[in-house]
Amino acid sequence: MKFVVINGSPRKHGRTGILARFISRTYGARLIDLSAHELPLFSGEEEQNDLRSVQGLRQVVKEADGVILTTPEYHSGMSGALKNAIDFLSSEQFKYKPVALMSVAGGGKGGINSLNGMRIVMRGVYANAIPKQVVFDPHCFVREEDTLIDDAAKLVAEAMEELKMYVR
C-alpha cells in the first residue's frame, strides 16, 4: 500500500511536522512537507496548473492508495497552508480515496474543529475520510527526539490500521 502524509503546518519546527515525520518513518508514507513545499497561493488561474510544484503534488496524491492529513488548529480551523494545498487538488486525485485526519492542538479543547473542517473539505473532493480521527496535545510529543510518546504512537497505529482496512 502506498501512503502519503501531508504535514499541513507552515512551521518548520512545529509539532505537526513531528507527527508527519513520525508517520513517514514508521509507516513508509511519502512525506509532503508544506513548511518546505513551494506552493504559491491558490488563485485558480490556469497558468498555475503548469507549475512543477503543483503537478508534483497532484501526481503524488493521485498515486497514493491512502492519504494522511495533519494540521495544527488555527482559530478553530485547519491551517491555511493545508487548505491552500488541498485547493490545488480535486476529485481527480481524491475520488473514493481513504483519508485519515489528524490534528495537533495547543491544549485544552482544541483540535476537533479543524478535524470537522477537514472532513467537510474531503467531502467536497469526494474523498472517503475514515471515521477514526485523532487530536494530539502538546504532551504527546518528545521534541528533542522528533517523535511521539508511546500512547500517542498507539493512536497513530489505530488510525493507520483503520486506514489500511478502508484501502483494502
Protein backbone atom coordinates (compact mmCIF):
# COMPACT_ATOMS: atom_id res chain seq x y z
CA MET A 1 0.00 0.00 0.00
CA LYS A 2 1.20 3.46 -0.92
CA PHE A 3 0.53 6.20 1.60
CA VAL A 4 1.25 9.90 1.54
CA VAL A 5 1.26 12.06 4.67
CA ILE A 6 0.90 15.82 4.37
CA ASN A 7 2.43 18.00 7.06
CA GLY A 8 -0.15 20.78 6.96
CA SER A 9 1.85 23.15 9.13
CA PRO A 10 3.78 26.09 7.68
CA ARG A 11 6.08 25.98 10.74
CA LYS A 12 9.47 24.39 10.16
CA HIS A 13 9.84 23.12 13.75
CA GLY A 14 6.24 22.58 14.85
CA ARG A 15 4.62 19.56 16.45
CA THR A 16 2.57 18.82 13.34
CA GLY A 17 5.83 18.25 11.48
CA ILE A 18 6.96 15.85 14.20
CA LEU A 19 3.72 13.89 13.75
CA ALA A 20 4.01 13.80 9.95
CA ARG A 21 7.67 12.73 10.06
CA PHE A 22 6.83 10.01 12.60
CA ILE A 23 4.15 8.63 10.28
CA SER A 24 6.51 8.80 7.31
CA ARG A 25 9.30 6.97 9.17
CA THR A 26 7.10 4.40 10.89
CA TYR A 27 4.72 3.54 8.06
CA GLY A 28 6.82 4.31 4.98
CA ALA A 29 4.44 7.06 3.89
CA ARG A 30 5.74 9.60 1.42
CA LEU A 31 6.03 12.97 3.16
CA ILE A 32 4.78 16.19 1.66
CA ASP A 33 6.03 18.91 4.00
CA LEU A 34 4.17 22.17 3.45
CA SER A 35 6.68 24.01 5.65
CA ALA A 36 9.21 23.40 2.87
CA HIS A 37 6.96 22.94 -0.16
CA GLU A 38 6.96 25.72 -2.69
CA LEU A 39 3.27 26.12 -3.49
CA PRO A 40 2.01 29.54 -4.47
CA LEU A 41 -1.20 30.95 -3.07
CA PHE A 42 -4.02 29.25 -4.98
CA SER A 43 -5.74 31.62 -7.38
CA GLY A 44 -7.50 29.24 -9.75
CA GLU A 45 -5.64 30.81 -12.69
CA GLU A 46 -4.91 28.33 -15.49
CA GLU A 47 -1.15 29.01 -15.53
CA GLN A 48 -0.80 27.57 -12.02
CA ASN A 49 -1.54 24.12 -13.48
CA ASP A 50 1.84 24.20 -15.26
CA LEU A 51 3.90 24.76 -12.10
CA ARG A 52 6.19 21.84 -11.22
CA SER A 53 5.22 22.05 -7.53
CA VAL A 54 1.52 21.79 -8.37
CA GLN A 55 1.99 18.95 -10.85
CA GLY A 56 4.16 17.06 -8.34
CA LEU A 57 1.61 17.45 -5.53
CA ARG A 58 -1.20 16.24 -7.78
CA GLN A 59 0.79 13.24 -9.00
CA VAL A 60 1.87 12.07 -5.54
CA VAL A 61 -1.65 12.31 -4.10
CA LYS A 62 -3.24 10.66 -7.15
CA GLU A 63 -0.84 7.69 -6.98
CA ALA A 64 -1.38 7.13 -3.24
CA ASP A 65 -3.71 4.41 -2.02
CA GLY A 66 -4.43 6.43 1.11
CA VAL A 67 -3.67 9.90 2.45
CA ILE A 68 -2.99 11.14 5.97
CA LEU A 69 -3.68 14.84 6.52
CA THR A 70 -2.12 16.50 9.56
CA THR A 71 -2.75 20.07 10.66
CA PRO A 72 -2.39 22.39 13.61
CA GLU A 73 -5.64 24.03 14.65
CA TYR A 74 -5.58 27.74 13.89
CA HIS A 75 -8.61 29.79 15.00
CA SER A 76 -10.82 26.68 15.08
CA GLY A 77 -9.82 25.52 11.61
CA MET A 78 -7.12 23.75 9.60
CA SER A 79 -4.03 25.68 8.66
CA GLY A 80 -4.15 27.97 5.66
CA ALA A 81 -1.17 26.06 4.25
CA LEU A 82 -3.13 22.79 4.23
CA LYS A 83 -6.27 24.37 2.79
CA ASN A 84 -4.17 26.05 0.10
CA ALA A 85 -2.59 22.71 -0.86
CA ILE A 86 -5.97 20.98 -0.98
CA ASP A 87 -7.28 23.78 -3.20
CA PHE A 88 -4.77 22.67 -5.85
CA LEU A 89 -6.27 19.18 -5.70
CA SER A 90 -9.65 17.84 -6.74
CA SER A 91 -11.74 14.72 -7.08
CA GLU A 92 -9.28 13.67 -9.80
CA GLN A 93 -6.78 12.97 -7.01
CA PHE A 94 -9.16 12.14 -4.15
CA LYS A 95 -12.29 10.41 -5.51
CA TYR A 96 -13.10 7.42 -3.26
CA LYS A 97 -9.64 7.59 -1.67
CA PRO A 98 -9.46 6.81 2.06
CA VAL A 99 -8.08 9.73 4.08
CA ALA A 100 -7.07 9.82 7.75
CA LEU A 101 -7.43 13.12 9.60
CA MET A 102 -5.16 14.18 12.45
CA SER A 103 -4.94 17.48 14.29
CA VAL A 104 -2.33 18.92 16.62
CA ALA A 105 -3.84 21.17 19.27
CA GLY A 106 -2.32 23.69 21.62
CA GLY A 107 -4.00 22.02 24.56
CA GLY A 108 -7.37 22.11 26.23
CA LYS A 109 -10.31 21.71 23.86
CA GLY A 110 -8.55 22.38 20.56
CA GLY A 111 -8.34 20.13 17.54
CA ILE A 112 -11.90 18.98 16.94
CA ASN A 113 -12.91 21.99 14.85
CA SER A 114 -10.01 21.55 12.44
CA LEU A 115 -10.97 17.87 12.05
CA ASN A 116 -14.56 18.82 11.28
CA GLY A 117 -13.37 21.36 8.71
CA MET A 118 -11.07 18.83 7.02
CA ARG A 119 -13.93 16.31 6.92
CA ILE A 120 -16.15 18.84 5.11
CA VAL A 121 -13.39 19.69 2.61
CA MET A 122 -12.71 15.99 1.96
CA ARG A 123 -16.40 15.51 1.21
CA GLY A 124 -16.07 18.34 -1.33
CA VAL A 125 -13.36 16.44 -3.26
CA TYR A 126 -15.20 13.08 -2.99
CA ALA A 127 -12.63 11.53 -0.65
CA ASN A 128 -13.58 8.98 2.00
CA ALA A 129 -12.48 10.45 5.31
CA ILE A 130 -12.28 7.47 7.64
CA PRO A 131 -14.28 7.55 10.90
CA LYS A 132 -11.21 7.36 13.18
CA GLN A 133 -9.71 10.80 13.76
CA VAL A 134 -7.13 11.89 16.30
CA VAL A 135 -6.19 15.05 18.19
CA PHE A 136 -2.70 15.29 19.69
CA ASP A 137 -1.98 17.66 22.57
CA PRO A 138 1.48 19.09 23.42
CA HIS A 139 2.25 16.34 25.96
CA CYS A 140 2.14 13.75 23.11
CA PHE A 141 5.47 14.91 21.67
CA VAL A 142 9.14 14.42 22.52
CA ARG A 143 10.61 17.38 20.62
CA GLU A 144 14.27 16.65 21.29
CA GLU A 145 13.83 13.18 19.79
CA ASP A 146 11.47 14.29 16.98
CA THR A 147 8.97 11.62 17.97
CA LEU A 148 5.79 10.81 19.90
CA ILE A 149 5.22 9.31 23.33
CA ASP A 150 4.08 5.67 23.31
CA ASP A 151 0.39 6.44 23.95
CA ALA A 152 0.31 8.87 21.02
CA ALA A 153 2.10 6.36 18.79
CA LYS A 154 -0.67 3.85 19.66
CA LEU A 155 -3.30 6.34 18.49
CA VAL A 156 -1.46 6.70 15.19
CA ALA A 157 -1.24 2.90 14.88
CA GLU A 158 -5.01 2.55 15.42
CA ALA A 159 -5.74 5.19 12.78
CA MET A 160 -3.31 3.59 10.34
CA GLU A 161 -4.93 0.17 10.83
CA GLU A 162 -8.32 1.67 10.05
CA LEU A 163 -6.91 3.49 7.02
CA LYS A 164 -5.42 0.21 5.74
CA MET A 165 -8.77 -1.51 6.22
CA TYR A 166 -10.51 1.13 4.10
CA VAL A 167 -7.81 0.89 1.42
CA ARG A 168 -8.36 -2.88 1.22
